[in-house]
N, C-alpha and C. Protein backbone atom coordinates (compact mmCIF):
# COMPACT_ATOMS: atom_id res chain seq x y z
N UNK A 1 -38.00 67.43 -1.45
CA UNK A 1 -39.55 66.30 -1.82
C UNK A 1 -38.64 64.53 -2.37
N UNK A 2 -37.29 65.17 -3.10
CA UNK A 2 -37.13 63.38 -2.86
C UNK A 2 -37.47 62.21 -1.26
N UNK A 3 -36.51 63.18 -0.94
CA UNK A 3 -35.11 62.31 0.22
C UNK A 3 -37.24 61.89 1.11
N UNK A 4 -38.14 63.27 0.91
CA UNK A 4 -38.98 63.10 2.04
C UNK A 4 -40.05 61.97 1.80
N UNK A 5 -40.60 62.14 0.08
CA UNK A 5 -41.01 60.59 -0.82
C UNK A 5 -39.50 59.24 -0.45
N UNK A 6 -38.83 59.30 -0.34
CA UNK A 6 -37.65 57.99 -0.29
C UNK A 6 -37.74 57.91 1.70
N UNK A 7 -38.54 58.38 2.49
CA UNK A 7 -38.51 58.77 3.92
C UNK A 7 -39.78 57.55 4.38
N UNK A 8 -40.85 58.18 3.09
CA UNK A 8 -41.97 57.79 3.82
C UNK A 8 -42.57 55.85 3.19
N UNK A 9 -41.81 56.13 2.21
CA UNK A 9 -41.11 54.54 1.71
C UNK A 9 -40.40 53.02 2.73
N UNK A 10 -39.23 54.41 3.31
CA UNK A 10 -39.23 52.65 4.23
C UNK A 10 -40.04 52.22 5.67
N UNK A 11 -39.89 51.16 5.97
CA UNK A 11 -40.58 51.06 7.17
C UNK A 11 -39.99 51.45 7.67
N UNK A 12 -40.85 51.55 8.81
CA UNK A 12 -40.09 53.14 10.01
C UNK A 12 -40.77 51.46 11.02
N UNK A 13 -39.61 50.88 10.97
CA UNK A 13 -39.95 49.67 12.56
C UNK A 13 -39.41 50.18 14.17
N UNK A 14 -38.78 51.39 13.53
CA UNK A 14 -38.44 51.27 15.14
C UNK A 14 -39.54 52.60 15.67
N UNK A 15 -40.09 52.41 14.98
CA UNK A 15 -41.65 53.25 15.24
C UNK A 15 -43.07 53.34 15.00
N UNK A 16 -42.48 52.16 14.78
CA UNK A 16 -43.65 51.33 14.80
C UNK A 16 -44.74 50.84 16.09
N UNK A 17 -46.44 51.41 15.41
CA UNK A 17 -46.88 50.57 17.10
C UNK A 17 -47.49 49.77 17.42
N UNK A 18 -47.16 49.28 18.84
CA UNK A 18 -47.92 47.69 19.02
C UNK A 18 -48.69 48.12 19.23
N UNK A 19 -50.41 46.70 19.70
CA UNK A 19 -50.86 47.03 19.91
C UNK A 19 -50.90 45.27 20.32
N UNK A 20 -51.99 44.81 21.00
CA UNK A 20 -52.40 43.67 22.02
C UNK A 20 -53.64 43.22 21.82
N UNK A 21 -54.23 42.43 21.77
CA UNK A 21 -55.72 41.40 21.95
C UNK A 21 -56.75 42.68 22.96
N UNK A 22 -57.26 42.48 23.23
CA UNK A 22 -58.26 43.68 23.89
C UNK A 22 -59.33 42.46 25.00
N UNK A 23 -60.02 41.68 24.12
CA UNK A 23 -60.81 41.04 24.05
C UNK A 23 -60.26 38.90 24.08
N UNK A 24 -61.47 38.23 24.21
CA UNK A 24 -60.70 36.61 24.56
C UNK A 24 -61.00 35.78 23.73
N UNK A 25 -60.90 36.94 21.74
CA UNK A 25 -60.79 36.20 20.84
C UNK A 25 -61.29 37.98 20.06
N UNK A 26 -60.62 37.71 19.19
CA UNK A 26 -60.50 38.86 17.79
C UNK A 26 -60.53 38.04 16.80
N UNK A 27 -61.40 38.50 15.89
CA UNK A 27 -61.11 37.89 14.27
C UNK A 27 -60.61 39.03 13.65
N UNK A 28 -59.46 38.47 12.80
CA UNK A 28 -58.65 39.47 12.15
C UNK A 28 -59.20 38.45 10.27
N UNK A 29 -59.05 40.08 9.83
CA UNK A 29 -60.49 40.11 8.26
C UNK A 29 -58.96 40.02 7.14
N UNK A 30 -59.50 40.38 6.35
CA UNK A 30 -59.27 40.07 4.77
C UNK A 30 -58.99 41.47 5.08
N UNK A 31 -59.52 42.44 5.03
CA UNK A 31 -60.28 43.98 4.75
C UNK A 31 -60.41 44.04 5.71
N UNK A 32 -61.19 45.83 5.52
CA UNK A 32 -61.83 46.59 6.81
C UNK A 32 -63.04 46.51 6.72
N UNK A 33 -63.74 45.74 7.27
CA UNK A 33 -65.20 45.46 7.60
C UNK A 33 -65.66 43.99 8.13
N UNK A 34 -66.41 44.09 8.47
CA UNK A 34 -67.61 42.76 9.08
C UNK A 34 -67.61 41.86 7.29
N UNK A 35 -67.81 42.34 6.82
CA UNK A 35 -68.12 41.25 5.02
C UNK A 35 -67.07 40.97 4.74
N UNK A 36 -65.75 41.57 5.27
CA UNK A 36 -64.51 40.62 4.93
C UNK A 36 -64.39 39.27 5.37
N UNK A 37 -63.81 38.42 4.54
CA UNK A 37 -63.28 37.03 5.60
C UNK A 37 -62.72 37.37 6.54
N UNK A 38 -62.94 35.51 7.64
CA UNK A 38 -61.75 35.86 8.53
C UNK A 38 -60.59 34.74 8.20
N UNK A 39 -59.38 36.07 8.20
CA UNK A 39 -58.08 35.46 8.15
C UNK A 39 -58.06 34.04 9.72
N UNK A 40 -58.23 34.83 10.65
CA UNK A 40 -57.57 34.01 11.37
C UNK A 40 -57.64 35.21 12.87
N UNK A 41 -58.40 33.73 13.91
CA UNK A 41 -58.42 34.56 15.03
C UNK A 41 -57.33 34.08 15.63
N UNK A 42 -57.16 35.58 17.07
CA UNK A 42 -56.10 35.33 17.89
C UNK A 42 -56.42 35.47 19.69
N UNK A 43 -56.09 34.99 20.67
CA UNK A 43 -56.21 35.17 21.77
C UNK A 43 -55.94 36.46 23.02
N UNK A 44 -56.75 36.27 22.99
CA UNK A 44 -56.64 37.85 24.32
C UNK A 44 -54.10 37.94 24.85
N UNK A 45 -54.45 39.75 24.69
CA UNK A 45 -53.15 40.04 24.43
C UNK A 45 -51.60 39.59 23.24
N UNK A 46 -53.28 38.91 22.15
CA UNK A 46 -52.23 38.90 21.36
C UNK A 46 -51.30 40.30 20.83
N UNK A 47 -50.16 40.03 20.80
CA UNK A 47 -49.69 41.01 20.19
C UNK A 47 -49.47 41.79 18.22
N UNK A 48 -49.52 42.91 18.40
CA UNK A 48 -49.81 42.90 16.97
C UNK A 48 -48.69 44.10 16.75
N UNK A 49 -48.26 44.61 14.55
CA UNK A 49 -47.76 46.29 14.97
C UNK A 49 -48.57 46.38 14.11
N UNK A 50 -48.61 47.37 14.23
CA UNK A 50 -49.69 47.78 13.33
C UNK A 50 -49.27 49.04 12.10
N UNK A 51 -50.14 48.48 11.03
CA UNK A 51 -49.39 49.64 9.30
C UNK A 51 -50.26 50.39 8.61
N UNK A 52 -51.06 50.16 9.41
CA UNK A 52 -52.44 51.53 8.50
C UNK A 52 -53.51 51.07 9.62
N UNK A 53 -54.75 52.30 9.04
CA UNK A 53 -55.85 52.39 9.70
C UNK A 53 -56.27 53.18 8.21
N UNK A 54 -57.54 53.03 8.52
CA UNK A 54 -59.73 53.51 7.88
C UNK A 54 -60.63 52.81 8.35
N UNK A 55 -60.32 54.12 9.13
CA UNK A 55 -61.42 54.04 9.47
C UNK A 55 -61.66 53.17 11.79
N UNK A 56 -62.36 52.80 12.31
CA UNK A 56 -62.68 51.85 12.99
C UNK A 56 -61.90 50.93 12.79
N UNK A 57 -60.67 50.38 11.58
CA UNK A 57 -60.62 49.63 11.38
C UNK A 57 -58.20 49.54 11.43
N UNK A 58 -58.16 48.70 11.87
CA UNK A 58 -56.41 48.88 12.30
C UNK A 58 -55.86 47.89 11.42
N UNK A 59 -54.89 47.52 10.38
CA UNK A 59 -54.31 47.05 9.98
C UNK A 59 -52.69 46.67 10.09
N UNK A 60 -53.44 45.90 10.77
CA UNK A 60 -51.61 44.98 11.34
C UNK A 60 -50.87 43.52 10.85
N UNK A 61 -50.35 43.39 11.75
CA UNK A 61 -48.65 42.18 10.76
C UNK A 61 -48.94 41.91 12.39
N UNK A 62 -48.68 40.02 11.92
CA UNK A 62 -48.01 40.09 13.72
C UNK A 62 -46.78 39.10 13.27
N UNK A 63 -46.47 38.24 14.13
CA UNK A 63 -45.08 38.03 14.98
C UNK A 63 -44.87 37.05 13.37
N UNK A 64 -46.05 36.18 12.61
CA UNK A 64 -45.23 35.60 11.78
C UNK A 64 -45.03 36.29 10.39
N UNK A 65 -45.82 37.22 10.14
CA UNK A 65 -45.15 38.35 8.94
C UNK A 65 -46.39 38.26 8.06
N UNK A 66 -47.39 37.52 8.71
CA UNK A 66 -49.80 37.97 8.27
C UNK A 66 -49.71 39.58 8.70
N UNK A 67 -50.81 39.72 7.03
CA UNK A 67 -51.05 40.90 8.27
C UNK A 67 -52.23 40.34 8.13
N UNK A 68 -53.50 41.43 8.24
CA UNK A 68 -55.06 41.31 8.52
C UNK A 68 -55.85 42.67 8.99
N UNK A 69 -56.53 42.55 8.82
CA UNK A 69 -57.51 43.83 9.33
C UNK A 69 -58.40 43.49 10.89
N UNK A 70 -58.61 44.54 11.46
CA UNK A 70 -59.45 44.31 12.68
C UNK A 70 -59.82 44.86 13.35
N UNK A 71 -61.24 45.40 13.67
CA UNK A 71 -62.18 46.48 14.24
C UNK A 71 -61.08 47.30 15.79
N UNK A 72 -60.78 48.24 15.16
CA UNK A 72 -59.61 49.10 16.59
C UNK A 72 -60.61 48.34 18.09
N UNK A 73 -62.16 48.90 18.21
CA UNK A 73 -61.97 48.34 19.65
C UNK A 73 -62.15 47.48 20.31
N UNK A 74 -61.37 46.35 19.14
CA UNK A 74 -60.75 45.24 20.29
C UNK A 74 -59.26 44.87 20.29
N UNK A 75 -58.51 45.77 20.52
CA UNK A 75 -57.16 45.73 20.90
C UNK A 75 -56.26 46.95 21.56
N UNK A 76 -55.57 46.81 22.15
CA UNK A 76 -55.50 48.54 23.91
C UNK A 76 -53.65 48.27 22.83
N UNK A 77 -53.07 48.65 24.36
CA UNK A 77 -52.57 49.42 24.16
C UNK A 77 -51.78 48.72 25.71
N UNK A 78 -52.01 47.43 25.38
CA UNK A 78 -51.48 46.73 26.88
C UNK A 78 -49.90 45.35 26.33
N UNK A 79 -48.92 46.59 27.31
CA UNK A 79 -47.48 45.19 26.49
C UNK A 79 -47.75 43.60 26.69
N UNK A 80 -47.42 43.13 25.70
CA UNK A 80 -47.74 42.02 25.83
C UNK A 80 -46.85 41.32 24.54
N UNK A 81 -46.82 39.69 24.76
CA UNK A 81 -45.28 39.43 23.97
C UNK A 81 -45.58 37.92 23.56
N UNK A 82 -45.28 37.62 22.78
CA UNK A 82 -45.35 35.99 22.28
C UNK A 82 -44.15 35.25 21.66
N UNK A 83 -44.44 34.00 22.19
CA UNK A 83 -43.04 33.04 22.22
C UNK A 83 -42.68 33.06 20.34
N UNK A 84 -41.28 33.73 19.57
CA UNK A 84 -41.02 33.57 18.30
C UNK A 84 -40.00 32.48 18.32
N UNK A 85 -39.37 31.08 18.42
CA UNK A 85 -39.26 30.94 19.32
C UNK A 85 -39.99 29.15 19.82
N UNK A 86 -39.02 27.43 18.97
CA UNK A 86 -40.26 26.85 19.27
C UNK A 86 -40.07 26.55 20.79
N UNK A 87 -39.26 26.30 21.51
CA UNK A 87 -38.27 26.36 22.98
C UNK A 87 -37.84 27.52 23.98
N UNK A 88 -38.70 27.80 24.72
CA UNK A 88 -36.94 28.90 25.18
C UNK A 88 -37.97 28.60 26.76
N UNK A 89 -36.86 29.11 28.20
CA UNK A 89 -36.93 28.86 29.65
C UNK A 89 -37.02 30.56 29.94
N UNK A 90 -38.13 30.21 31.36
CA UNK A 90 -38.30 31.27 31.72
C UNK A 90 -37.15 31.19 33.28
N UNK A 91 -36.43 32.46 32.94
CA UNK A 91 -35.66 32.85 34.67
C UNK A 91 -36.86 33.05 35.89
N UNK A 92 -36.10 32.33 37.20
CA UNK A 92 -36.46 33.07 38.04
C UNK A 92 -36.00 34.21 37.61
N UNK A 93 -34.23 34.85 37.33
CA UNK A 93 -34.22 36.75 38.01
C UNK A 93 -33.87 36.49 36.34
N UNK A 94 -33.44 37.92 36.51
CA UNK A 94 -33.10 38.10 34.59
C UNK A 94 -31.91 38.44 34.43
N UNK A 95 -30.81 37.04 33.96
CA UNK A 95 -29.58 36.66 33.61
C UNK A 95 -29.56 35.00 33.17
N UNK A 96 -29.13 34.93 32.51
CA UNK A 96 -28.76 33.26 31.93
C UNK A 96 -28.28 32.58 32.81
N UNK A 97 -27.85 33.20 34.36
CA UNK A 97 -27.24 31.35 34.95
C UNK A 97 -28.00 30.95 35.95
N UNK A 98 -29.02 31.91 36.40
CA UNK A 98 -30.43 32.02 37.03
C UNK A 98 -31.32 30.63 36.42
N UNK A 99 -32.01 30.00 37.73
CA UNK A 99 -32.88 28.50 37.70
C UNK A 99 -33.50 28.73 37.29
N UNK A 100 -34.04 27.42 36.14
CA UNK A 100 -34.90 27.63 34.80
C UNK A 100 -36.37 27.14 35.91
N UNK A 101 -37.48 28.03 35.68
CA UNK A 101 -38.57 27.80 36.47
C UNK A 101 -39.97 26.63 35.13
N UNK A 102 -39.38 27.80 33.80
CA UNK A 102 -40.59 27.35 33.24
C UNK A 102 -39.78 27.07 32.17
N UNK A 103 -40.95 26.18 30.72
CA UNK A 103 -40.36 26.23 29.54
C UNK A 103 -42.01 26.54 28.89
N UNK A 104 -41.37 27.62 27.57
CA UNK A 104 -42.19 28.48 27.39
C UNK A 104 -42.07 27.15 25.32
N UNK A 105 -43.34 27.21 25.15
CA UNK A 105 -43.04 26.78 23.90
C UNK A 105 -43.31 28.20 22.83
N UNK A 106 -43.10 27.54 21.68
CA UNK A 106 -43.80 28.64 20.18
C UNK A 106 -44.98 29.09 20.62
N UNK A 107 -45.34 30.49 20.36
CA UNK A 107 -47.24 31.24 20.33
C UNK A 107 -47.65 31.48 21.60
N UNK A 108 -46.97 30.70 22.42
CA UNK A 108 -47.14 30.83 24.02
C UNK A 108 -47.24 32.54 24.24
N UNK A 109 -48.55 33.48 24.67
CA UNK A 109 -48.57 34.78 25.44
C UNK A 109 -49.16 35.29 25.93
N UNK A 110 -47.64 36.76 26.29
CA UNK A 110 -47.55 36.51 28.11
C UNK A 110 -47.80 38.39 28.08
N UNK A 111 -48.67 38.11 29.06
CA UNK A 111 -48.19 40.02 29.50
C UNK A 111 -47.08 40.60 29.90
N UNK A 112 -46.37 41.66 29.50
CA UNK A 112 -44.78 42.33 29.96
C UNK A 112 -44.71 43.21 30.76
N UNK A 113 -44.62 42.71 32.43
CA UNK A 113 -44.34 44.18 33.06
C UNK A 113 -43.71 44.76 33.80
N UNK A 114 -42.42 44.12 33.33
CA UNK A 114 -41.28 45.15 33.16
C UNK A 114 -40.03 44.46 31.83
N UNK A 115 -39.30 45.80 32.10
CA UNK A 115 -37.58 45.38 31.13
C UNK A 115 -36.67 45.72 32.22
N UNK A 116 -35.67 44.84 32.02
CA UNK A 116 -34.46 44.81 32.21
C UNK A 116 -33.82 44.55 31.86
N UNK A 117 -32.93 45.67 31.51
CA UNK A 117 -31.41 45.10 30.12
C UNK A 117 -32.26 44.66 28.95
N UNK A 118 -30.97 43.29 28.29
CA UNK A 118 -32.13 42.24 27.49
C UNK A 118 -33.24 41.71 27.76
N UNK A 119 -33.98 41.41 29.18
CA UNK A 119 -34.69 40.32 29.29
C UNK A 119 -36.47 41.48 30.22
N UNK A 120 -37.52 40.06 30.20
CA UNK A 120 -38.80 40.49 30.07
C UNK A 120 -38.99 40.14 30.93
N UNK A 121 -39.44 40.69 31.75
CA UNK A 121 -40.61 40.22 32.53
C UNK A 121 -41.95 39.24 32.86
N UNK A 122 -41.97 38.22 32.39
CA UNK A 122 -43.57 38.34 32.19
C UNK A 122 -44.67 38.02 32.80
N UNK A 123 -45.78 38.04 32.57
CA UNK A 123 -46.83 37.65 33.29
C UNK A 123 -48.10 36.78 33.02
N UNK A 124 -48.92 35.85 33.07
CA UNK A 124 -50.23 36.23 32.86
C UNK A 124 -51.08 36.13 33.70
N UNK A 125 -51.66 37.08 33.22
CA UNK A 125 -52.67 37.90 34.72
C UNK A 125 -52.02 37.99 35.07
N UNK A 126 -52.20 37.22 36.74
CA UNK A 126 -51.15 38.17 37.97
C UNK A 126 -49.95 37.66 38.22
N UNK A 127 -50.40 36.35 37.71
CA UNK A 127 -49.28 35.77 38.07
C UNK A 127 -47.79 35.97 37.18
N UNK A 128 -47.00 35.12 38.48
CA UNK A 128 -45.34 36.03 37.47
C UNK A 128 -45.66 34.26 36.78
N UNK A 129 -45.03 34.56 35.95
CA UNK A 129 -44.05 33.92 35.22
C UNK A 129 -42.50 33.62 34.67
N UNK A 130 -41.91 33.95 34.98
CA UNK A 130 -40.13 34.29 35.29
C UNK A 130 -39.81 35.07 34.30
N UNK A 131 -38.83 35.69 34.23
CA UNK A 131 -37.94 36.88 33.09
C UNK A 131 -37.72 35.73 31.78
N UNK A 132 -37.37 36.26 31.00
CA UNK A 132 -37.56 35.88 29.31
C UNK A 132 -35.92 36.95 28.95
N UNK A 133 -35.10 36.50 28.08
CA UNK A 133 -34.01 37.34 26.72
C UNK A 133 -35.74 37.47 25.62
N UNK A 134 -35.49 38.66 25.50
CA UNK A 134 -36.47 40.15 24.49
C UNK A 134 -36.02 39.18 22.88
N UNK A 135 -35.18 38.79 22.68
CA UNK A 135 -35.44 37.64 21.46
C UNK A 135 -35.65 36.26 20.51
N UNK A 136 -36.36 36.39 22.17
CA UNK A 136 -36.85 34.83 22.85
C UNK A 136 -38.01 35.08 21.81
N UNK A 137 -38.53 36.32 21.99
CA UNK A 137 -39.70 36.67 21.65
C UNK A 137 -40.35 37.94 21.19
N UNK A 138 -41.73 37.64 20.68
CA UNK A 138 -41.85 39.43 19.89
C UNK A 138 -42.93 40.17 20.68
N UNK A 139 -43.03 41.19 20.17
CA UNK A 139 -44.49 41.65 20.85
C UNK A 139 -43.45 43.26 21.22
N UNK A 140 -44.34 43.62 22.32
CA UNK A 140 -43.63 44.55 23.50
C UNK A 140 -42.95 44.31 24.19
N UNK A 141 -41.69 44.75 23.92
CA UNK A 141 -39.88 44.39 24.13
C UNK A 141 -39.55 46.03 24.83
N UNK A 142 -40.09 47.02 24.28
CA UNK A 142 -39.67 48.45 25.25
C UNK A 142 -40.55 48.30 25.97
N UNK A 143 -40.13 48.49 27.79
CA UNK A 143 -40.62 49.18 29.05
C UNK A 143 -40.95 50.97 28.94
């Protein structure tokens, strides 16, 4: 019984469900209802980690560690990632020696279309943007 309780209390980051914003913009609130204050808003594809649920509401954590509640209907399972460093290179191929095709900045959000080793293939809509090392982004890093 004590072992089961200890396991329940430990954070389970390996099993954490990742979701992303499904609509153009979503309000994240201090509690699980429309009556609670809006803590922040996020754009479409913004990734979040599920930390709890209450009825039609999902308690989430973002890449900065901020926690808030959002209506479940505003989220989806689309694989996305957000840049967590000030600046990073997007490359043509999944290797550090590949040509840099673009520079990205903190908090830019992308769709993740594929994973190859430690690299993620990023898109904006249907437009390919390039490859980035997964340690430079936060979100859906497993394909």
